Amino acid sequence: MDYRNYIEIRKISLLYYQYCFVDTGEYLADGIFYQNRITVRYGAEFVREGTRYRFIFCKIRKKDRSIFFKSMEELKKKMLLTGHGDYEYFCERIITTMKRWKDSGNFPNKVV
């Protein structure tokens, strides 16, 4: 599973890294974070009506970065086990689109 289900948000901070990751309405990542003993500070959450997935912004302590990456890998596996077979396709498509917008410097004001 070599696709990514998160994006790093680049902001200057001495203590935290900020990320946006893809989760479901059941918040499967929460249990994984708890199991891996990582403290996550949640921010905004975005969901498009009619979709199974949501984008969740969060902050993690810099010392927990490797645990966060491990947790994201576990989330991919948990998605498959819980019947979210289109999770990989959804993540690949949205991450590729965001990278294309970022590289072009033409990020749209409204995402459809």
PDB file of N, CA and C in Angstrom:
ATOM      1  N   MET A   1       0.843  -1.178   0.000  1.00  0.00           N
ATOM      2  CA  MET A   1       0.000   0.000   0.000  1.00  0.00           C
ATOM      3  C   MET A   1       0.887   1.239   0.000  1.00  0.00           C
ATOM      4  N   ASP A   2       1.179   1.726  -1.172  1.00  0.00           N
ATOM      5  CA  ASP A   2       2.103   2.841  -1.260  1.00  0.00           C
ATOM      6  C   ASP A   2       1.427   4.175  -1.567  1.00  0.00           C
ATOM      7  N   TYR A   3       0.125   4.246  -1.452  1.00  0.00           N
ATOM      8  CA  TYR A   3      -0.553   5.525  -1.623  1.00  0.00           C
ATOM      9  C   TYR A   3      -0.580   6.260  -0.285  1.00  0.00           C
ATOM     10  N   ARG A   4      -0.807   7.571  -0.340  1.00  0.00           N
ATOM     11  CA  ARG A   4      -0.869   8.356   0.895  1.00  0.00           C
ATOM     12  C   ARG A   4      -2.308   8.736   1.193  1.00  0.00           C
ATOM     13  N   ASN A   5      -2.652   8.726   2.460  1.00  0.00           N
ATOM     14  CA  ASN A   5      -3.994   9.116   2.891  1.00  0.00           C
ATOM     15  C   ASN A   5      -3.938  10.370   3.763  1.00  0.00           C
ATOM     16  N   TYR A   6      -2.879  11.140   3.620  1.00  0.00           N
ATOM     17  CA  TYR A   6      -2.703  12.373   4.385  1.00  0.00           C
ATOM     18  C   TYR A   6      -1.869  13.357   3.570  1.00  0.00           C
ATOM     19  N   ILE A   7      -1.965  14.617   3.953  1.00  0.00           N
ATOM     20  CA  ILE A   7      -1.163  15.686   3.358  1.00  0.00           C
ATOM     21  C   ILE A   7      -0.572  16.487   4.501  1.00  0.00           C
ATOM     22  N   GLU A   8       0.694  16.832   4.389  1.00  0.00           N
ATOM     23  CA  GLU A   8       1.306  17.692   5.404  1.00  0.00           C
ATOM     24  C   GLU A   8       0.964  19.139   5.088  1.00  0.00           C
ATOM     25  N   ILE A   9       0.528  19.862   6.108  1.00  0.00           N
ATOM     26  CA  ILE A   9       0.238  21.286   5.984  1.00  0.00           C
ATOM     27  C   ILE A   9       1.476  22.016   6.489  1.00  0.00           C
ATOM     28  N   ARG A  10       2.112  22.752   5.632  1.00  0.00           N
ATOM     29  CA  ARG A  10       3.371  23.392   6.015  1.00  0.00           C
ATOM     30  C   ARG A  10       3.112  24.713   6.723  1.00  0.00           C
ATOM     31  N   LYS A  11       3.339  24.697   8.017  1.00  0.00           N
ATOM     32  CA  LYS A  11       3.263  25.897   8.853  1.00  0.00           C
ATOM     33  C   LYS A  11       4.442  25.853   9.801  1.00  0.00           C
ATOM     34  N   ILE A  12       4.974  26.994  10.122  1.00  0.00           N
ATOM     35  CA  ILE A  12       6.118  27.050  11.024  1.00  0.00           C
ATOM     36  C   ILE A  12       5.644  26.865  12.458  1.00  0.00           C
ATOM     37  N   SER A  13       6.211  25.864  13.122  1.00  0.00           N
ATOM     38  CA  SER A  13       5.883  25.589  14.515  1.00  0.00           C
ATOM     39  C   SER A  13       7.064  24.881  15.152  1.00  0.00           C
ATOM     40  N   LEU A  14       7.354  25.237  16.376  1.00  0.00           N
ATOM     41  CA  LEU A  14       8.448  24.594  17.089  1.00  0.00           C
ATOM     42  C   LEU A  14       8.055  23.233  17.652  1.00  0.00           C
ATOM     43  N   LEU A  15       6.779  23.046  17.940  1.00  0.00           N
ATOM     44  CA  LEU A  15       6.336  21.836  18.629  1.00  0.00           C
ATOM     45  C   LEU A  15       5.514  20.863  17.790  1.00  0.00           C
ATOM     46  N   TYR A  16       4.863  21.349  16.733  1.00  0.00           N
ATOM     47  CA  TYR A  16       3.866  20.533  16.044  1.00  0.00           C
ATOM     48  C   TYR A  16       4.110  20.414  14.543  1.00  0.00           C
ATOM     49  N   TYR A  17       3.632  19.304  13.987  1.00  0.00           N
ATOM     50  CA  TYR A  17       3.431  19.147  12.547  1.00  0.00           C
ATOM     51  C   TYR A  17       1.928  19.150  12.343  1.00  0.00           C
ATOM     52  N   GLN A  18       1.491  19.689  11.208  1.00  0.00           N
ATOM     53  CA  GLN A  18       0.065  19.723  10.917  1.00  0.00           C
ATOM     54  C   GLN A  18      -0.216  18.889   9.675  1.00  0.00           C
ATOM     55  N   TYR A  19      -1.315  18.157   9.737  1.00  0.00           N
ATOM     56  CA  TYR A  19      -1.694  17.263   8.650  1.00  0.00           C
ATOM     57  C   TYR A  19      -3.190  17.344   8.391  1.00  0.00           C
ATOM     58  N   CYS A  20      -3.557  16.897   7.210  1.00  0.00           N
ATOM     59  CA  CYS A  20      -4.952  16.661   6.856  1.00  0.00           C
ATOM     60  C   CYS A  20      -5.007  15.211   6.390  1.00  0.00           C
ATOM     61  N   PHE A  21      -5.879  14.411   6.996  1.00  0.00           N
ATOM     62  CA  PHE A  21      -5.988  13.007   6.602  1.00  0.00           C
ATOM     63  C   PHE A  21      -7.431  12.668   6.260  1.00  0.00           C
ATOM     64  N   VAL A  22      -7.600  11.560   5.568  1.00  0.00           N
ATOM     65  CA  VAL A  22      -8.918  11.117   5.111  1.00  0.00           C
ATOM     66  C   VAL A  22      -9.416  10.023   6.049  1.00  0.00           C
ATOM     67  N   ASP A  23     -10.631  10.214   6.567  1.00  0.00           N
ATOM     68  CA  ASP A  23     -11.235   9.247   7.485  1.00  0.00           C
ATOM     69  C   ASP A  23     -12.705   9.082   7.116  1.00  0.00           C
ATOM     70  N   THR A  24     -13.411   8.263   7.860  1.00  0.00           N
ATOM     71  CA  THR A  24     -14.842   8.038   7.636  1.00  0.00           C
ATOM     72  C   THR A  24     -15.645   8.703   8.752  1.00  0.00           C
ATOM     73  N   GLY A  25     -16.956   8.656   8.618  1.00  0.00           N
ATOM     74  CA  GLY A  25     -17.832   9.177   9.655  1.00  0.00           C
ATOM     75  C   GLY A  25     -17.763   8.381  10.944  1.00  0.00           C
ATOM     76  N   GLU A  26     -17.238   7.164  10.873  1.00  0.00           N
ATOM     77  CA  GLU A  26     -17.066   6.338  12.073  1.00  0.00           C
ATOM     78  C   GLU A  26     -15.769   6.676  12.804  1.00  0.00           C
ATOM     79  N   TYR A  27     -14.970   7.547  12.243  1.00  0.00           N
ATOM     80  CA  TYR A  27     -13.701   8.004  12.841  1.00  0.00           C
ATOM     81  C   TYR A  27     -12.809   6.824  13.224  1.00  0.00           C
ATOM     82  N   LEU A  28     -12.469   6.026  12.233  1.00  0.00           N
ATOM     83  CA  LEU A  28     -11.638   4.848  12.465  1.00  0.00           C
ATOM     84  C   LEU A  28     -10.237   5.210  12.959  1.00  0.00           C
ATOM     85  N   ALA A  29      -9.736   6.366  12.572  1.00  0.00           N
ATOM     86  CA  ALA A  29      -8.382   6.769  12.984  1.00  0.00           C
ATOM     87  C   ALA A  29      -8.296   7.003  14.490  1.00  0.00           C
ATOM     88  N   ASP A  30      -9.374   7.431  15.116  1.00  0.00           N
ATOM     89  CA  ASP A  30      -9.340   7.719  16.557  1.00  0.00           C
ATOM     90  C   ASP A  30      -8.887   6.509  17.369  1.00  0.00           C
ATOM     91  N   GLY A  31      -9.444   5.353  17.063  1.00  0.00           N
ATOM     92  CA  GLY A  31      -9.073   4.136  17.782  1.00  0.00           C
ATOM     93  C   GLY A  31      -7.615   3.766  17.563  1.00  0.00           C
ATOM     94  N   ILE A  32      -7.139   3.998  16.351  1.00  0.00           N
ATOM     95  CA  ILE A  32      -5.736   3.700  16.039  1.00  0.00           C
ATOM     96  C   ILE A  32      -4.815   4.650  16.795  1.00  0.00           C
ATOM     97  N   PHE A  33      -5.167   5.931  16.823  1.00  0.00           N
ATOM     98  CA  PHE A  33      -4.352   6.899  17.573  1.00  0.00           C
ATOM     99  C   PHE A  33      -4.316   6.531  19.055  1.00  0.00           C
ATOM    100  N   TYR A  34      -5.453   6.143  19.597  1.00  0.00           N
ATOM    101  CA  TYR A  34      -5.523   5.755  21.008  1.00  0.00           C
ATOM    102  C   TYR A  34      -4.658   4.521  21.267  1.00  0.00           C
ATOM    103  N   GLN A  35      -4.777   3.547  20.391  1.00  0.00           N
ATOM    104  CA  GLN A  35      -4.012   2.308  20.532  1.00  0.00           C
ATOM    105  C   GLN A  35      -2.504   2.574  20.457  1.00  0.00           C
ATOM    106  N   ASN A  36      -2.102   3.510  19.601  1.00  0.00           N
ATOM    107  CA  ASN A  36      -0.681   3.834  19.435  1.00  0.00           C
ATOM    108  C   ASN A  36      -0.199   4.917  20.404  1.00  0.00           C
ATOM    109  N   ARG A  37      -1.080   5.349  21.284  1.00  0.00           N
ATOM    110  CA  ARG A  37      -0.751   6.335  22.324  1.00  0.00           C
ATOM    111  C   ARG A  37      -0.160   7.622  21.759  1.00  0.00           C
ATOM    112  N   ILE A  38      -0.845   8.166  20.769  1.00  0.00           N
ATOM    113  CA  ILE A  38      -0.427   9.424  20.167  1.00  0.00           C
ATOM    114  C   ILE A  38      -1.485  10.479  20.473  1.00  0.00           C
ATOM    115  N   THR A  39      -1.039  11.639  20.900  1.00  0.00           N
ATOM    116  CA  THR A  39      -1.959  12.737  21.176  1.00  0.00           C
ATOM    117  C   THR A  39      -2.161  13.530  19.893  1.00  0.00           C
ATOM    118  N   VAL A  40      -3.409  13.676  19.500  1.00  0.00           N
ATOM    119  CA  VAL A  40      -3.757  14.389  18.277  1.00  0.00           C
ATOM    120  C   VAL A  40      -4.657  15.553  18.654  1.00  0.00           C
ATOM    121  N   ARG A  41      -4.310  16.728  18.180  1.00  0.00           N
ATOM    122  CA  ARG A  41      -5.158  17.910  18.380  1.00  0.00           C
ATOM    123  C   ARG A  41      -5.914  18.147  17.078  1.00  0.00           C
ATOM    124  N   TYR A  42      -7.223  17.978  17.149  1.00  0.00           N
ATOM    125  CA  TYR A  42      -8.044  18.070  15.953  1.00  0.00           C
ATOM    126  C   TYR A  42      -8.417  19.510  15.658  1.00  0.00           C
ATOM    127  N   GLY A  43      -8.518  19.798  14.360  1.00  0.00           N
ATOM    128  CA  GLY A  43      -8.939  21.113  13.897  1.00  0.00           C
ATOM    129  C   GLY A  43     -10.222  20.976  13.099  1.00  0.00           C
ATOM    130  N   ALA A  44     -10.258  21.638  11.965  1.00  0.00           N
ATOM    131  CA  ALA A  44     -11.441  21.640  11.108  1.00  0.00           C
ATOM    132  C   ALA A  44     -11.667  20.265  10.488  1.00  0.00           C
ATOM    133  N   GLU A  45     -12.909  20.054  10.103  1.00  0.00           N
ATOM    134  CA  GLU A  45     -13.301  18.799   9.463  1.00  0.00           C
ATOM    135  C   GLU A  45     -14.217  19.146   8.299  1.00  0.00           C
ATOM    136  N   PHE A  46     -13.960  18.536   7.155  1.00  0.00           N
ATOM    137  CA  PHE A  46     -14.754  18.826   5.972  1.00  0.00           C
ATOM    138  C   PHE A  46     -15.276  17.531   5.377  1.00  0.00           C
ATOM    139  N   VAL A  47     -16.545  17.559   4.999  1.00  0.00           N
ATOM    140  CA  VAL A  47     -17.153  16.396   4.354  1.00  0.00           C
ATOM    141  C   VAL A  47     -18.084  16.906   3.261  1.00  0.00           C
ATOM    142  N   ARG A  48     -18.064  16.229   2.132  1.00  0.00           N
ATOM    143  CA  ARG A  48     -18.949  16.582   1.036  1.00  0.00           C
ATOM    144  C   ARG A  48     -20.182  15.694   1.121  1.00  0.00           C
ATOM    145  N   GLU A  49     -21.327  16.292   0.984  1.00  0.00           N
ATOM    146  CA  GLU A  49     -22.577  15.546   1.076  1.00  0.00           C
ATOM    147  C   GLU A  49     -22.595  14.424   0.036  1.00  0.00           C
ATOM    148  N   GLY A  50     -22.969  13.246   0.491  1.00  0.00           N
ATOM    149  CA  GLY A  50     -23.058  12.103  -0.401  1.00  0.00           C
ATOM    150  C   GLY A  50     -21.785  11.279  -0.506  1.00  0.00           C
ATOM    151  N   THR A  51     -20.741  11.650   0.252  1.00  0.00           N
ATOM    152  CA  THR A  51     -19.509  10.858   0.225  1.00  0.00           C
ATOM    153  C   THR A  51     -19.319  10.155   1.561  1.00  0.00           C
ATOM    154  N   ARG A  52     -18.529   9.106   1.535  1.00  0.00           N
ATOM    155  CA  ARG A  52     -18.272   8.321   2.743  1.00  0.00           C
ATOM    156  C   ARG A  52     -17.113   8.877   3.552  1.00  0.00           C
ATOM    157  N   TYR A  53     -16.330   9.747   2.934  1.00  0.00           N
ATOM    158  CA  TYR A  53     -15.075  10.156   3.560  1.00  0.00           C
ATOM    159  C   TYR A  53     -15.082  11.627   3.933  1.00  0.00           C
ATOM    160  N   ARG A  54     -14.236  11.943   4.898  1.00  0.00           N
ATOM    161  CA  ARG A  54     -14.109  13.324   5.356  1.00  0.00           C
ATOM    162  C   ARG A  54     -12.640  13.664   5.521  1.00  0.00           C
ATOM    163  N   PHE A  55     -12.337  14.943   5.409  1.00  0.00           N
ATOM    164  CA  PHE A  55     -10.977  15.442   5.594  1.00  0.00           C
ATOM    165  C   PHE A  55     -10.884  16.031   6.987  1.00  0.00           C
ATOM    166  N   ILE A  56      -9.912  15.577   7.744  1.00  0.00           N
ATOM    167  CA  ILE A  56      -9.752  16.022   9.124  1.00  0.00           C
ATOM    168  C   ILE A  56      -8.373  16.645   9.278  1.00  0.00           C
ATOM    169  N   PHE A  57      -8.358  17.889   9.733  1.00  0.00           N
ATOM    170  CA  PHE A  57      -7.100  18.591   9.983  1.00  0.00           C
ATOM    171  C   PHE A  57      -6.691  18.346  11.425  1.00  0.00           C
ATOM    172  N   CYS A  58      -5.388  18.170  11.636  1.00  0.00           N
ATOM    173  CA  CYS A  58      -4.911  17.884  12.983  1.00  0.00           C
ATOM    174  C   CYS A  58      -3.477  18.365  13.168  1.00  0.00           C
ATOM    175  N   LYS A  59      -3.077  18.422  14.441  1.00  0.00           N
ATOM    176  CA  LYS A  59      -1.697  18.726  14.825  1.00  0.00           C
ATOM    177  C   LYS A  59      -1.192  17.567  15.660  1.00  0.00           C
ATOM    178  N   ILE A  60       0.067  17.221  15.437  1.00  0.00           N
ATOM    179  CA  ILE A  60       0.713  16.211  16.275  1.00  0.00           C
ATOM    180  C   ILE A  60       2.057  16.757  16.735  1.00  0.00           C
ATOM    181  N   ARG A  61       2.498  16.312  17.875  1.00  0.00           N
ATOM    182  CA  ARG A  61       3.805  16.742  18.377  1.00  0.00           C
ATOM    183  C   ARG A  61       4.898  16.203  17.458  1.00  0.00           C
ATOM    184  N   LYS A  62       5.951  16.983  17.296  1.00  0.00           N
ATOM    185  CA  LYS A  62       7.033  16.583  16.396  1.00  0.00           C
ATOM    186  C   LYS A  62       7.630  15.236  16.774  1.00  0.00           C
ATOM    187  N   LYS A  63       7.694  14.948  18.052  1.00  0.00           N
ATOM    188  CA  LYS A  63       8.276  13.671  18.494  1.00  0.00           C
ATOM    189  C   LYS A  63       7.398  12.470  18.118  1.00  0.00           C
ATOM    190  N   ASP A  64       6.132  12.714  17.775  1.00  0.00           N
ATOM    191  CA  ASP A  64       5.192  11.639  17.440  1.00  0.00           C
ATOM    192  C   ASP A  64       5.031  11.414  15.936  1.00  0.00           C
ATOM    193  N   ARG A  65       5.859  12.049  15.133  1.00  0.00           N
ATOM    194  CA  ARG A  65       5.692  11.980  13.683  1.00  0.00           C
ATOM    195  C   ARG A  65       5.749  10.542  13.154  1.00  0.00           C
ATOM    196  N   SER A  66       6.723   9.772  13.585  1.00  0.00           N
ATOM    197  CA  SER A  66       6.841   8.394  13.081  1.00  0.00           C
ATOM    198  C   SER A  66       5.641   7.543  13.512  1.00  0.00           C
ATOM    199  N   ILE A  67       5.120   7.804  14.693  1.00  0.00           N
ATOM    200  CA  ILE A  67       3.930   7.073  15.163  1.00  0.00           C
ATOM    201  C   ILE A  67       2.712   7.462  14.323  1.00  0.00           C
ATOM    202  N   PHE A  68       2.623   8.740  13.939  1.00  0.00           N
ATOM    203  CA  PHE A  68       1.526   9.196  13.082  1.00  0.00           C
ATOM    204  C   PHE A  68       1.575   8.470  11.737  1.00  0.00           C
ATOM    205  N   PHE A  69       2.764   8.389  11.134  1.00  0.00           N
ATOM    206  CA  PHE A  69       2.897   7.694   9.851  1.00  0.00           C
ATOM    207  C   PHE A  69       2.504   6.222   9.984  1.00  0.00           C
ATOM    208  N   LYS A  70       2.922   5.593  11.061  1.00  0.00           N
ATOM    209  CA  LYS A  70       2.554   4.196  11.324  1.00  0.00           C
ATOM    210  C   LYS A  70       1.033   4.078  11.461  1.00  0.00           C
ATOM    211  N   SER A  71       0.423   5.031  12.148  1.00  0.00           N
ATOM    212  CA  SER A  71      -1.030   5.029  12.335  1.00  0.00           C
ATOM    213  C   SER A  71      -1.758   5.187  11.008  1.00  0.00           C
ATOM    214  N   MET A  72      -1.224   6.000  10.109  1.00  0.00           N
ATOM    215  CA  MET A  72      -1.847   6.181   8.797  1.00  0.00           C
ATOM    216  C   MET A  72      -1.773   4.889   7.975  1.00  0.00           C
ATOM    217  N   GLU A  73      -0.684   4.148   8.111  1.00  0.00           N
ATOM    218  CA  GLU A  73      -0.580   2.843   7.437  1.00  0.00           C
ATOM    219  C   GLU A  73      -1.605   1.862   8.012  1.00  0.00           C
ATOM    220  N   GLU A  74      -1.772   1.881   9.316  1.00  0.00           N
ATOM    221  CA  GLU A  74      -2.763   1.012   9.954  1.00  0.00           C
ATOM    222  C   GLU A  74      -4.178   1.395   9.536  1.00  0.00           C
ATOM    223  N   LEU A  75      -4.415   2.689   9.338  1.00  0.00           N
ATOM    224  CA  LEU A  75      -5.734   3.155   8.908  1.00  0.00           C
ATOM    225  C   LEU A  75      -6.074   2.603   7.526  1.00  0.00           C
ATOM    226  N   LYS A  76      -5.098   2.560   6.631  1.00  0.00           N
ATOM    227  CA  LYS A  76      -5.335   1.991   5.296  1.00  0.00           C
ATOM    228  C   LYS A  76      -5.819   0.545   5.407  1.00  0.00           C
ATOM    229  N   LYS A  77      -5.160  -0.229   6.246  1.00  0.00           N
ATOM    230  CA  LYS A  77      -5.532  -1.637   6.424  1.00  0.00           C
ATOM    231  C   LYS A  77      -6.916  -1.765   7.055  1.00  0.00           C
ATOM    232  N   LYS A  78      -7.188  -0.919   8.037  1.00  0.00           N
ATOM    233  CA  LYS A  78      -8.478  -0.972   8.727  1.00  0.00           C
ATOM    234  C   LYS A  78      -9.618  -0.611   7.776  1.00  0.00           C
ATOM    235  N   MET A  79      -9.364   0.317   6.856  1.00  0.00           N
ATOM    236  CA  MET A  79     -10.385   0.687   5.873  1.00  0.00           C
ATOM    237  C   MET A  79     -10.773  -0.522   5.025  1.00  0.00           C
ATOM    238  N   LEU A  80      -9.782  -1.271   4.587  1.00  0.00           N
ATOM    239  CA  LEU A  80     -10.073  -2.466   3.781  1.00  0.00           C
ATOM    240  C   LEU A  80     -10.844  -3.502   4.588  1.00  0.00           C
ATOM    241  N   LEU A  81     -10.442  -3.693   5.834  1.00  0.00           N
ATOM    242  CA  LEU A  81     -11.099  -4.693   6.684  1.00  0.00           C
ATOM    243  C   LEU A  81     -12.537  -4.327   7.025  1.00  0.00           C
ATOM    244  N   THR A  82     -12.854  -3.036   7.023  1.00  0.00           N
ATOM    245  CA  THR A  82     -14.206  -2.600   7.374  1.00  0.00           C
ATOM    246  C   THR A  82     -15.076  -2.329   6.148  1.00  0.00           C
ATOM    247  N   GLY A  83     -14.608  -2.771   4.972  1.00  0.00           N
ATOM    248  CA  GLY A  83     -15.451  -2.683   3.785  1.00  0.00           C
ATOM    249  C   GLY A  83     -15.346  -1.405   2.985  1.00  0.00           C
ATOM    250  N   HIS A  84     -14.324  -0.632   3.193  1.00  0.00           N
ATOM    251  CA  HIS A  84     -14.127   0.607   2.436  1.00  0.00           C
ATOM    252  C   HIS A  84     -13.116   0.354   1.321  1.00  0.00           C
ATOM    253  N   GLY A  85     -13.503  -0.477   0.362  1.00  0.00           N
ATOM    254  CA  GLY A  85     -12.608  -0.886  -0.715  1.00  0.00           C
ATOM    255  C   GLY A  85     -12.212   0.226  -1.661  1.00  0.00           C
ATOM    256  N   ASP A  86     -13.005   1.288  -1.724  1.00  0.00           N
ATOM    257  CA  ASP A  86     -12.691   2.407  -2.620  1.00  0.00           C
ATOM    258  C   ASP A  86     -11.816   3.468  -1.956  1.00  0.00           C
ATOM    259  N   TYR A  87     -11.381   3.234  -0.736  1.00  0.00           N
ATOM    260  CA  TYR A  87     -10.577   4.211   0.015  1.00  0.00           C
ATOM    261  C   TYR A  87      -9.276   4.540  -0.711  1.00  0.00           C
ATOM    262  N   GLU A  88      -8.582   3.516  -1.201  1.00  0.00           N
ATOM    263  CA  GLU A  88      -7.314   3.739  -1.901  1.00  0.00           C
ATOM    264  C   GLU A  88      -7.532   4.608  -3.136  1.00  0.00           C
ATOM    265  N   TYR A  89      -8.535   4.275  -3.934  1.00  0.00           N
ATOM    266  CA  TYR A  89      -8.826   5.046  -5.143  1.00  0.00           C
ATOM    267  C   TYR A  89      -9.177   6.486  -4.791  1.00  0.00           C
ATOM    268  N   PHE A  90     -10.011   6.680  -3.772  1.00  0.00           N
ATOM    269  CA  PHE A  90     -10.408   8.021  -3.356  1.00  0.00           C
ATOM    270  C   PHE A  90      -9.191   8.842  -2.944  1.00  0.00           C
ATOM    271  N   CYS A  91      -8.326   8.260  -2.116  1.00  0.00           N
ATOM    272  CA  CYS A  91      -7.131   8.973  -1.637  1.00  0.00           C
ATOM    273  C   CYS A  91      -6.190   9.311  -2.784  1.00  0.00           C
ATOM    274  N   GLU A  92      -5.937   8.345  -3.661  1.00  0.00           N
ATOM    275  CA  GLU A  92      -5.045   8.595  -4.796  1.00  0.00           C
ATOM    276  C   GLU A  92      -5.576   9.719  -5.668  1.00  0.00           C
ATOM    277  N   ARG A  93      -6.867   9.686  -5.942  1.00  0.00           N
ATOM    278  CA  ARG A  93      -7.470  10.694  -6.817  1.00  0.00           C
ATOM    279  C   ARG A  93      -7.409  12.082  -6.201  1.00  0.00           C
ATOM    280  N   ILE A  94      -7.762  12.198  -4.936  1.00  0.00           N
ATOM    281  CA  ILE A  94      -7.815  13.521  -4.314  1.00  0.00           C
ATOM    282  C   ILE A  94      -6.415  14.080  -4.068  1.00  0.00           C
ATOM    283  N   ILE A  95      -5.471  13.243  -3.659  1.00  0.00           N
ATOM    284  CA  ILE A  95      -4.105  13.699  -3.413  1.00  0.00           C
ATOM    285  C   ILE A  95      -3.461  14.142  -4.729  1.00  0.00           C
ATOM    286  N   THR A  96      -3.673  13.383  -5.801  1.00  0.00           N
ATOM    287  CA  THR A  96      -3.135  13.753  -7.115  1.00  0.00           C
ATOM    288  C   THR A  96      -3.708  15.084  -7.573  1.00  0.00           C
ATOM    289  N   THR A  97      -4.997  15.280  -7.388  1.00  0.00           N
ATOM    290  CA  THR A  97      -5.638  16.538  -7.775  1.00  0.00           C
ATOM    291  C   THR A  97      -5.068  17.707  -6.984  1.00  0.00           C
ATOM    292  N   MET A  98      -4.903  17.537  -5.687  1.00  0.00           N
ATOM    293  CA  MET A  98      -4.365  18.615  -4.854  1.00  0.00           C
ATOM    294  C   MET A  98      -2.919  18.941  -5.231  1.00  0.00           C
ATOM    295  N   LYS A  99      -2.120  17.921  -5.514  1.00  0.00           N
ATOM    296  CA  LYS A  99      -0.732  18.162  -5.933  1.00  0.00           C
ATOM    297  C   LYS A  99      -0.695  18.923  -7.253  1.00  0.00           C
ATOM    298  N   ARG A 100      -1.576  18.560  -8.175  1.00  0.00           N
ATOM    299  CA  ARG A 100      -1.635  19.245  -9.465  1.00  0.00           C
ATOM    300  C   ARG A 100      -1.982  20.718  -9.272  1.00  0.00           C
ATOM    301  N   TRP A 101      -2.960  21.004  -8.420  1.00  0.00           N
ATOM    302  CA  TRP A 101      -3.321  22.391  -8.133  1.00  0.00           C
ATOM    303  C   TRP A 101      -2.153  23.137  -7.505  1.00  0.00           C
ATOM    304  N   LYS A 102      -1.500  22.492  -6.560  1.00  0.00           N
ATOM    305  CA  LYS A 102      -0.373  23.117  -5.862  1.00  0.00           C
ATOM    306  C   LYS A 102       0.766  23.420  -6.835  1.00  0.00           C
ATOM    307  N   ASP A 103       1.110  22.452  -7.681  1.00  0.00           N
ATOM    308  CA  ASP A 103       2.210  22.628  -8.630  1.00  0.00           C
ATOM    309  C   ASP A 103       1.909  23.694  -9.675  1.00  0.00           C
ATOM    310  N   SER A 104       0.647  23.826 -10.052  1.00  0.00           N
ATOM    311  CA  SER A 104       0.283  24.824 -11.059  1.00  0.00           C
ATOM    312  C   SER A 104       0.182  26.223 -10.458  1.00  0.00           C
ATOM    313  N   GLY A 105       0.077  26.305  -9.130  1.00  0.00           N
ATOM    314  CA  GLY A 105      -0.087  27.606  -8.481  1.00  0.00           C
ATOM    315  C   GLY A 105      -1.463  28.195  -8.697  1.00  0.00           C
ATOM    316  N   ASN A 106      -2.388  27.384  -9.178  1.00  0.00           N
ATOM    317  CA  ASN A 106      -3.724  27.857  -9.519  1.00  0.00           C
ATOM    318  C   ASN A 106      -4.762  27.100  -8.703  1.00  0.00           C
ATOM    319  N   PHE A 107      -4.657  27.194  -7.376  1.00  0.00           N
ATOM    320  CA  PHE A 107      -5.585  26.488  -6.497  1.00  0.00           C
ATOM    321  C   PHE A 107      -6.947  27.159  -6.585  1.00  0.00           C
ATOM    322  N   PRO A 108      -7.996  26.401  -6.899  1.00  0.00           N
ATOM    323  CA  PRO A 108      -9.322  27.010  -7.065  1.00  0.00           C
ATOM    324  C   PRO A 108      -9.889  27.511  -5.740  1.00  0.00           C
ATOM    325  N   ASN A 109     -10.715  28.548  -5.836  1.00  0.00           N
ATOM    326  CA  ASN A 109     -11.366  29.085  -4.642  1.00  0.00           C
ATOM    327  C   ASN A 109     -12.467  28.164  -4.153  1.00  0.00           C
ATOM    328  N   LYS A 110     -13.048  27.422  -5.055  1.00  0.00           N
ATOM    329  CA  LYS A 110     -14.139  26.525  -4.692  1.00  0.00           C
ATOM    330  C   LYS A 110     -13.847  25.143  -5.259  1.00  0.00           C
ATOM    331  N   VAL A 111     -13.836  24.152  -4.402  1.00  0.00           N
ATOM    332  CA  VAL A 111     -13.619  22.781  -4.837  1.00  0.00           C
ATOM    333  C   VAL A 111     -14.971  22.124  -5.014  1.00  0.00           C
ATOM    334  N   VAL A 112     -15.196  21.571  -6.175  1.00  0.00           N
ATOM    335  CA  VAL A 112     -16.481  20.946  -6.481  1.00  0.00           C
ATOM    336  C   VAL A 112     -16.446  19.488  -6.143  1.00  0.00           C
TER     337      VAL A 112
END
